[in-house]
Amino acid sequence: MKRMLLLVLTAAAAAGCQEATRSWQRLPMPSHDRQRVFQAAREVLSKHFTIADANITRGTIETEPAVFERGGGGTLADLRGAGGRWRRTAFFRTERSGLTVVAKVAVRLEREATEAAVAVAAQHRTAPEEELPTESAGAPALAERPKELVWMELGEDKSLARELLGAIAQRVREMERDTAVPTGQSPREAAEEVRRLGEEQGF
């Protein structure tokens, strides 16, 4: 029981850490209806991604990673076999600021690499050398390590996150217009309508 509780707390702490370190782009929405904003976000994201998880109670959406091709930049990563395959994963959250619903979007950007490339990148980080893990005597050299593909997180696509927020806001405006209550007739228009109906009935 204690072990299970520890695992739950560890998972919650990890999720909170990811939430804090993610570069969220924020935009106040043109609606006070949180569920409407959530619905609009789901519609917009589903046009570009496959939805992995959508929780209307929490107001959160996470997509499956979407793979795309990008031309090589002539970097060492290209020489190590990273190729031009990248992928994006979108995250959506809502929060309130008074009566205003604020939408948040972050897009994680990853690049395909190999285990050897990741190991080389780890050895060239700026941390003190003594902090690097010591390799066992029987460990294979980097060149001999398997070329299994992995995904390296390289940052976030802030430009795409802002574009998605703009599209969500536009969709919310459309939904607000579609559900707007028609305004009633003015007294003059009502009187004119009564007169017209009277003439049609022969009064």
C-alpha atoms as a PDB file:
ATOM      1  CA  MET A   1       0.000   0.000   0.000  1.00  0.00           C
ATOM      2  CA  LYS A   2       2.794   2.403   0.926  1.00  0.00           C
ATOM      3  CA  ARG A   3       4.644   1.525  -2.275  1.00  0.00           C
ATOM      4  CA  MET A   4       1.549   2.243  -4.368  1.00  0.00           C
ATOM      5  CA  LEU A   5       1.060   5.609  -2.639  1.00  0.00           C
ATOM      6  CA  LEU A   6       4.710   6.452  -3.278  1.00  0.00           C
ATOM      7  CA  LEU A   7       4.328   5.657  -6.979  1.00  0.00           C
ATOM      8  CA  VAL A   8       1.226   7.855  -7.239  1.00  0.00           C
ATOM      9  CA  LEU A   9       2.973  10.751  -5.489  1.00  0.00           C
ATOM     10  CA  THR A  10       6.028  10.348  -7.711  1.00  0.00           C
ATOM     11  CA  ALA A  11       3.886  10.413 -10.863  1.00  0.00           C
ATOM     12  CA  ALA A  12       2.032  13.493  -9.630  1.00  0.00           C
ATOM     13  CA  ALA A  13       5.308  15.254  -8.859  1.00  0.00           C
ATOM     14  CA  ALA A  14       6.658  14.431 -12.325  1.00  0.00           C
ATOM     15  CA  ALA A  15       3.485  15.762 -13.970  1.00  0.00           C
ATOM     16  CA  GLY A  16       3.719  18.946 -11.913  1.00  0.00           C
ATOM     17  CA  CYS A  17       7.349  19.396 -12.928  1.00  0.00           C
ATOM     18  CA  GLN A  18       6.472  19.013 -16.618  1.00  0.00           C
ATOM     19  CA  GLU A  19       3.633  21.506 -16.185  1.00  0.00           C
ATOM     20  CA  ALA A  20       5.992  24.058 -14.632  1.00  0.00           C
ATOM     21  CA  THR A  21       8.817  23.691 -17.170  1.00  0.00           C
ATOM     22  CA  ARG A  22       6.639  23.679 -20.287  1.00  0.00           C
ATOM     23  CA  SER A  23       6.677  26.932 -22.282  1.00  0.00           C
ATOM     24  CA  TRP A  24       2.968  27.695 -22.338  1.00  0.00           C
ATOM     25  CA  GLN A  25       1.590  30.259 -24.770  1.00  0.00           C
ATOM     26  CA  ARG A  26      -1.508  31.955 -23.314  1.00  0.00           C
ATOM     27  CA  LEU A  27      -4.463  33.804 -24.845  1.00  0.00           C
ATOM     28  CA  PRO A  28      -7.704  35.095 -23.207  1.00  0.00           C
ATOM     29  CA  MET A  29     -10.692  33.580 -24.994  1.00  0.00           C
ATOM     30  CA  PRO A  30     -13.725  35.558 -26.301  1.00  0.00           C
ATOM     31  CA  SER A  31     -16.091  33.527 -24.103  1.00  0.00           C
ATOM     32  CA  HIS A  32     -16.736  32.965 -20.396  1.00  0.00           C
ATOM     33  CA  ASP A  33     -17.894  29.395 -21.130  1.00  0.00           C
ATOM     34  CA  ARG A  34     -15.016  27.044 -20.251  1.00  0.00           C
ATOM     35  CA  GLN A  35     -16.698  24.020 -21.876  1.00  0.00           C
ATOM     36  CA  ARG A  36     -17.165  25.942 -25.127  1.00  0.00           C
ATOM     37  CA  VAL A  37     -13.481  26.857 -25.171  1.00  0.00           C
ATOM     38  CA  PHE A  38     -12.592  23.217 -24.514  1.00  0.00           C
ATOM     39  CA  GLN A  39     -14.831  22.046 -27.366  1.00  0.00           C
ATOM     40  CA  ALA A  40     -13.306  24.597 -29.744  1.00  0.00           C
ATOM     41  CA  ALA A  41      -9.790  23.508 -28.772  1.00  0.00           C
ATOM     42  CA  ARG A  42     -10.608  19.878 -29.365  1.00  0.00           C
ATOM     43  CA  GLU A  43     -12.028  20.660 -32.826  1.00  0.00           C
ATOM     44  CA  VAL A  44      -8.979  22.705 -33.826  1.00  0.00           C
ATOM     45  CA  LEU A  45      -6.390  20.257 -32.491  1.00  0.00           C
ATOM     46  CA  SER A  46      -8.127  17.252 -34.088  1.00  0.00           C
ATOM     47  CA  LYS A  47      -7.616  18.867 -37.523  1.00  0.00           C
ATOM     48  CA  HIS A  48      -3.845  18.662 -37.129  1.00  0.00           C
ATOM     49  CA  PHE A  49      -3.248  15.917 -34.560  1.00  0.00           C
ATOM     50  CA  THR A  50      -4.729  12.694 -33.235  1.00  0.00           C
ATOM     51  CA  ILE A  51      -6.196  13.281 -29.778  1.00  0.00           C
ATOM     52  CA  ALA A  52      -4.596  10.968 -27.195  1.00  0.00           C
ATOM     53  CA  ASP A  53      -6.424  12.241 -24.113  1.00  0.00           C
ATOM     54  CA  ALA A  54      -9.153  14.836 -23.582  1.00  0.00           C
ATOM     55  CA  ASN A  55     -10.532  15.485 -20.102  1.00  0.00           C
ATOM     56  CA  ILE A  56     -13.284  18.095 -19.991  1.00  0.00           C
ATOM     57  CA  THR A  57     -13.382  18.007 -16.184  1.00  0.00           C
ATOM     58  CA  ARG A  58      -9.750  19.096 -15.925  1.00  0.00           C
ATOM     59  CA  GLY A  59      -9.926  21.099 -19.135  1.00  0.00           C
ATOM     60  CA  THR A  60      -6.874  19.328 -20.568  1.00  0.00           C
ATOM     61  CA  ILE A  61      -6.034  17.840 -23.963  1.00  0.00           C
ATOM     62  CA  GLU A  62      -2.927  15.954 -25.078  1.00  0.00           C
ATOM     63  CA  THR A  63      -2.288  14.738 -28.611  1.00  0.00           C
ATOM     64  CA  GLU A  64      -0.380  11.853 -30.099  1.00  0.00           C
ATOM     65  CA  PRO A  65       3.030  12.864 -31.534  1.00  0.00           C
ATOM     66  CA  ALA A  66       2.718  13.944 -35.182  1.00  0.00           C
ATOM     67  CA  VAL A  67       5.761  13.038 -37.296  1.00  0.00           C
ATOM     68  CA  PHE A  68       6.918  15.350 -40.083  1.00  0.00           C
ATOM     69  CA  GLU A  69       9.951  15.688 -42.346  1.00  0.00           C
ATOM     70  CA  ARG A  70      12.387  18.575 -42.212  1.00  0.00           C
ATOM     71  CA  GLY A  71      15.455  19.121 -44.400  1.00  0.00           C
ATOM     72  CA  GLY A  72      18.851  18.460 -42.870  1.00  0.00           C
ATOM     73  CA  GLY A  73      20.734  21.438 -41.514  1.00  0.00           C
ATOM     74  CA  GLY A  74      24.233  20.013 -41.982  1.00  0.00           C
ATOM     75  CA  THR A  75      24.701  19.568 -38.247  1.00  0.00           C
ATOM     76  CA  LEU A  76      26.568  16.815 -36.415  1.00  0.00           C
ATOM     77  CA  ALA A  77      23.192  15.343 -35.545  1.00  0.00           C
ATOM     78  CA  ASP A  78      22.603  14.740 -39.264  1.00  0.00           C
ATOM     79  CA  LEU A  79      25.960  12.949 -39.572  1.00  0.00           C
ATOM     80  CA  ARG A  80      25.079  10.710 -36.620  1.00  0.00           C
ATOM     81  CA  GLY A  81      21.993   9.454 -38.418  1.00  0.00           C
ATOM     82  CA  ALA A  82      19.318  11.711 -36.941  1.00  0.00           C
ATOM     83  CA  GLY A  83      17.925  12.313 -40.404  1.00  0.00           C
ATOM     84  CA  GLY A  84      15.143  14.776 -41.030  1.00  0.00           C
ATOM     85  CA  ARG A  85      12.330  13.170 -39.060  1.00  0.00           C
ATOM     86  CA  TRP A  86      10.789  15.309 -36.339  1.00  0.00           C
ATOM     87  CA  ARG A  87       7.595  15.140 -34.343  1.00  0.00           C
ATOM     88  CA  ARG A  88       5.358  17.511 -32.418  1.00  0.00           C
ATOM     89  CA  THR A  89       3.056  16.833 -29.470  1.00  0.00           C
ATOM     90  CA  ALA A  90       0.464  19.456 -28.505  1.00  0.00           C
ATOM     91  CA  PHE A  91      -0.819  20.128 -24.989  1.00  0.00           C
ATOM     92  CA  PHE A  92      -3.853  22.260 -24.097  1.00  0.00           C
ATOM     93  CA  ARG A  93      -4.971  23.636 -20.725  1.00  0.00           C
ATOM     94  CA  THR A  94      -7.537  26.144 -19.496  1.00  0.00           C
ATOM     95  CA  GLU A  95      -7.337  28.458 -16.512  1.00  0.00           C
ATOM     96  CA  ARG A  96      -9.479  31.312 -15.207  1.00  0.00           C
ATOM     97  CA  SER A  97      -8.523  34.919 -14.593  1.00  0.00           C
ATOM     98  CA  GLY A  98     -11.623  36.335 -12.926  1.00  0.00           C
ATOM     99  CA  LEU A  99     -14.470  35.601 -15.326  1.00  0.00           C
ATOM    100  CA  THR A 100     -12.112  35.286 -18.288  1.00  0.00           C
ATOM    101  CA  VAL A 101     -11.193  31.848 -19.621  1.00  0.00           C
ATOM    102  CA  VAL A 102      -7.521  31.726 -20.594  1.00  0.00           C
ATOM    103  CA  ALA A 103      -6.395  29.014 -23.009  1.00  0.00           C
ATOM    104  CA  LYS A 104      -2.832  27.659 -22.872  1.00  0.00           C
ATOM    105  CA  VAL A 105      -1.072  25.658 -25.587  1.00  0.00           C
ATOM    106  CA  ALA A 106       2.409  24.144 -25.662  1.00  0.00           C
ATOM    107  CA  VAL A 107       3.928  22.111 -28.498  1.00  0.00           C
ATOM    108  CA  ARG A 108       6.836  19.784 -27.662  1.00  0.00           C
ATOM    109  CA  LEU A 109       9.391  19.381 -30.458  1.00  0.00           C
ATOM    110  CA  GLU A 110      11.479  16.216 -30.804  1.00  0.00           C
ATOM    111  CA  ARG A 111      13.947  14.894 -33.363  1.00  0.00           C
ATOM    112  CA  GLU A 112      14.694  11.335 -34.336  1.00  0.00           C
ATOM    113  CA  ALA A 113      18.137  10.187 -33.317  1.00  0.00           C
ATOM    114  CA  THR A 114      20.003   7.020 -32.368  1.00  0.00           C
ATOM    115  CA  GLU A 115      21.134   5.767 -28.999  1.00  0.00           C
ATOM    116  CA  ALA A 116      24.728   6.473 -29.992  1.00  0.00           C
ATOM    117  CA  ALA A 117      23.896  10.077 -30.881  1.00  0.00           C
ATOM    118  CA  VAL A 118      22.138  10.575 -27.565  1.00  0.00           C
ATOM    119  CA  ALA A 119      25.148   9.173 -25.730  1.00  0.00           C
ATOM    120  CA  VAL A 120      27.498  11.550 -27.570  1.00  0.00           C
ATOM    121  CA  ALA A 121      25.229  14.486 -26.770  1.00  0.00           C
ATOM    122  CA  ALA A 122      25.255  13.486 -23.093  1.00  0.00           C
ATOM    123  CA  GLN A 123      29.054  13.440 -23.041  1.00  0.00           C
ATOM    124  CA  HIS A 124      29.240  16.948 -24.523  1.00  0.00           C
ATOM    125  CA  ARG A 125      26.921  18.614 -22.070  1.00  0.00           C
ATOM    126  CA  THR A 126      28.234  21.493 -19.947  1.00  0.00           C
ATOM    127  CA  ALA A 127      27.912  19.734 -16.570  1.00  0.00           C
ATOM    128  CA  PRO A 128      31.154  18.908 -14.731  1.00  0.00           C
ATOM    129  CA  GLU A 129      32.767  15.782 -16.107  1.00  0.00           C
ATOM    130  CA  GLU A 130      32.724  14.053 -12.748  1.00  0.00           C
ATOM    131  CA  GLU A 131      28.920  14.119 -12.825  1.00  0.00           C
ATOM    132  CA  LEU A 132      28.844  11.938 -15.939  1.00  0.00           C
ATOM    133  CA  PRO A 133      28.031   8.290 -15.288  1.00  0.00           C
ATOM    134  CA  THR A 134      31.037   6.009 -15.357  1.00  0.00           C
ATOM    135  CA  GLU A 135      30.946   3.334 -18.027  1.00  0.00           C
ATOM    136  CA  SER A 136      31.512  -0.256 -17.064  1.00  0.00           C
ATOM    137  CA  ALA A 137      34.556  -2.079 -18.393  1.00  0.00           C
ATOM    138  CA  GLY A 138      32.420  -4.303 -20.595  1.00  0.00           C
ATOM    139  CA  ALA A 139      30.368  -1.479 -22.141  1.00  0.00           C
ATOM    140  CA  PRO A 140      30.632  -1.294 -25.969  1.00  0.00           C
ATOM    141  CA  ALA A 141      32.191   1.759 -27.618  1.00  0.00           C
ATOM    142  CA  LEU A 142      29.835   4.409 -28.958  1.00  0.00           C
ATOM    143  CA  ALA A 143      30.463   3.380 -32.562  1.00  0.00           C
ATOM    144  CA  GLU A 144      29.530  -0.201 -31.686  1.00  0.00           C
ATOM    145  CA  ARG A 145      26.301   0.620 -29.864  1.00  0.00           C
ATOM    146  CA  PRO A 146      23.000  -0.385 -31.475  1.00  0.00           C
ATOM    147  CA  LYS A 147      21.414   2.069 -33.899  1.00  0.00           C
ATOM    148  CA  GLU A 148      18.014   1.874 -32.253  1.00  0.00           C
ATOM    149  CA  LEU A 149      15.940   4.941 -32.941  1.00  0.00           C
ATOM    150  CA  VAL A 150      14.973   7.225 -30.098  1.00  0.00           C
ATOM    151  CA  TRP A 151      13.419  10.689 -29.886  1.00  0.00           C
ATOM    152  CA  MET A 152      15.408  13.587 -28.443  1.00  0.00           C
ATOM    153  CA  GLU A 153      13.439  16.532 -27.053  1.00  0.00           C
ATOM    154  CA  LEU A 154      14.905  19.714 -28.531  1.00  0.00           C
ATOM    155  CA  GLY A 155      12.549  22.390 -27.245  1.00  0.00           C
ATOM    156  CA  GLU A 156       9.117  23.695 -28.104  1.00  0.00           C
ATOM    157  CA  ASP A 157       7.421  25.083 -31.185  1.00  0.00           C
ATOM    158  CA  LYS A 158       6.135  28.382 -29.776  1.00  0.00           C
ATOM    159  CA  SER A 159       5.123  29.734 -33.183  1.00  0.00           C
ATOM    160  CA  LEU A 160       2.797  26.790 -33.845  1.00  0.00           C
ATOM    161  CA  ALA A 161       1.378  27.070 -30.307  1.00  0.00           C
ATOM    162  CA  ARG A 162       0.438  30.706 -30.970  1.00  0.00           C
ATOM    163  CA  GLU A 163      -1.145  29.783 -34.322  1.00  0.00           C
ATOM    164  CA  LEU A 164      -3.237  27.085 -32.633  1.00  0.00           C
ATOM    165  CA  LEU A 165      -4.384  29.558 -29.966  1.00  0.00           C
ATOM    166  CA  GLY A 166      -5.464  32.009 -32.666  1.00  0.00           C
ATOM    167  CA  ALA A 167      -7.430  29.279 -34.456  1.00  0.00           C
ATOM    168  CA  ILE A 168      -9.087  28.245 -31.174  1.00  0.00           C
ATOM    169  CA  ALA A 169     -10.104  31.849 -30.435  1.00  0.00           C
ATOM    170  CA  GLN A 170     -11.567  32.177 -33.943  1.00  0.00           C
ATOM    171  CA  ARG A 171     -13.549  28.959 -33.511  1.00  0.00           C
ATOM    172  CA  VAL A 172     -14.874  30.197 -30.150  1.00  0.00           C
ATOM    173  CA  ARG A 173     -16.092  33.409 -31.834  1.00  0.00           C
ATOM    174  CA  GLU A 174     -17.914  31.357 -34.472  1.00  0.00           C
ATOM    175  CA  MET A 175     -19.569  29.229 -31.802  1.00  0.00           C
ATOM    176  CA  GLU A 176     -20.597  32.346 -29.864  1.00  0.00           C
ATOM    177  CA  ARG A 177     -22.228  33.806 -32.991  1.00  0.00           C
ATOM    178  CA  ASP A 178     -24.025  30.548 -33.794  1.00  0.00           C
ATOM    179  CA  THR A 179     -25.597  30.361 -30.330  1.00  0.00           C
ATOM    180  CA  ALA A 180     -26.343  34.069 -29.896  1.00  0.00           C
ATOM    181  CA  VAL A 181     -29.954  34.824 -28.892  1.00  0.00           C
ATOM    182  CA  PRO A 182     -31.693  36.945 -31.567  1.00  0.00           C
ATOM    183  CA  THR A 183     -32.626  40.410 -30.373  1.00  0.00           C
ATOM    184  CA  GLY A 184     -36.318  41.234 -30.102  1.00  0.00           C
ATOM    185  CA  GLN A 185     -38.211  43.575 -32.439  1.00  0.00           C
ATOM    186  CA  SER A 186     -38.321  47.268 -31.718  1.00  0.00           C
ATOM    187  CA  PRO A 187     -41.814  48.745 -30.934  1.00  0.00           C
ATOM    188  CA  ARG A 188     -41.944  50.268 -34.413  1.00  0.00           C
ATOM    189  CA  GLU A 189     -41.075  46.958 -36.078  1.00  0.00           C
ATOM    190  CA  ALA A 190     -43.665  45.148 -33.949  1.00  0.00           C
ATOM    191  CA  ALA A 191     -46.373  47.665 -34.880  1.00  0.00           C
ATOM    192  CA  GLU A 192     -45.467  47.336 -38.552  1.00  0.00           C
ATOM    193  CA  GLU A 193     -45.672  43.550 -38.287  1.00  0.00           C
ATOM    194  CA  VAL A 194     -49.167  43.764 -36.702  1.00  0.00           C
ATOM    195  CA  ARG A 195     -50.339  46.144 -39.421  1.00  0.00           C
ATOM    196  CA  ARG A 196     -49.041  43.880 -42.161  1.00  0.00           C
ATOM    197  CA  LEU A 197     -50.711  40.822 -40.678  1.00  0.00           C
ATOM    198  CA  GLY A 198     -53.972  42.763 -40.364  1.00  0.00           C
ATOM    199  CA  GLU A 199     -53.894  43.701 -44.034  1.00  0.00           C
ATOM    200  CA  GLU A 200     -53.269  40.092 -44.997  1.00  0.00           C
ATOM    201  CA  GLN A 201     -56.292  38.985 -42.939  1.00  0.00           C
ATOM    202  CA  GLY A 202     -58.506  41.716 -44.464  1.00  0.00           C
ATOM    203  CA  PHE A 203     -58.942  43.798 -41.277  1.00  0.00           C
END
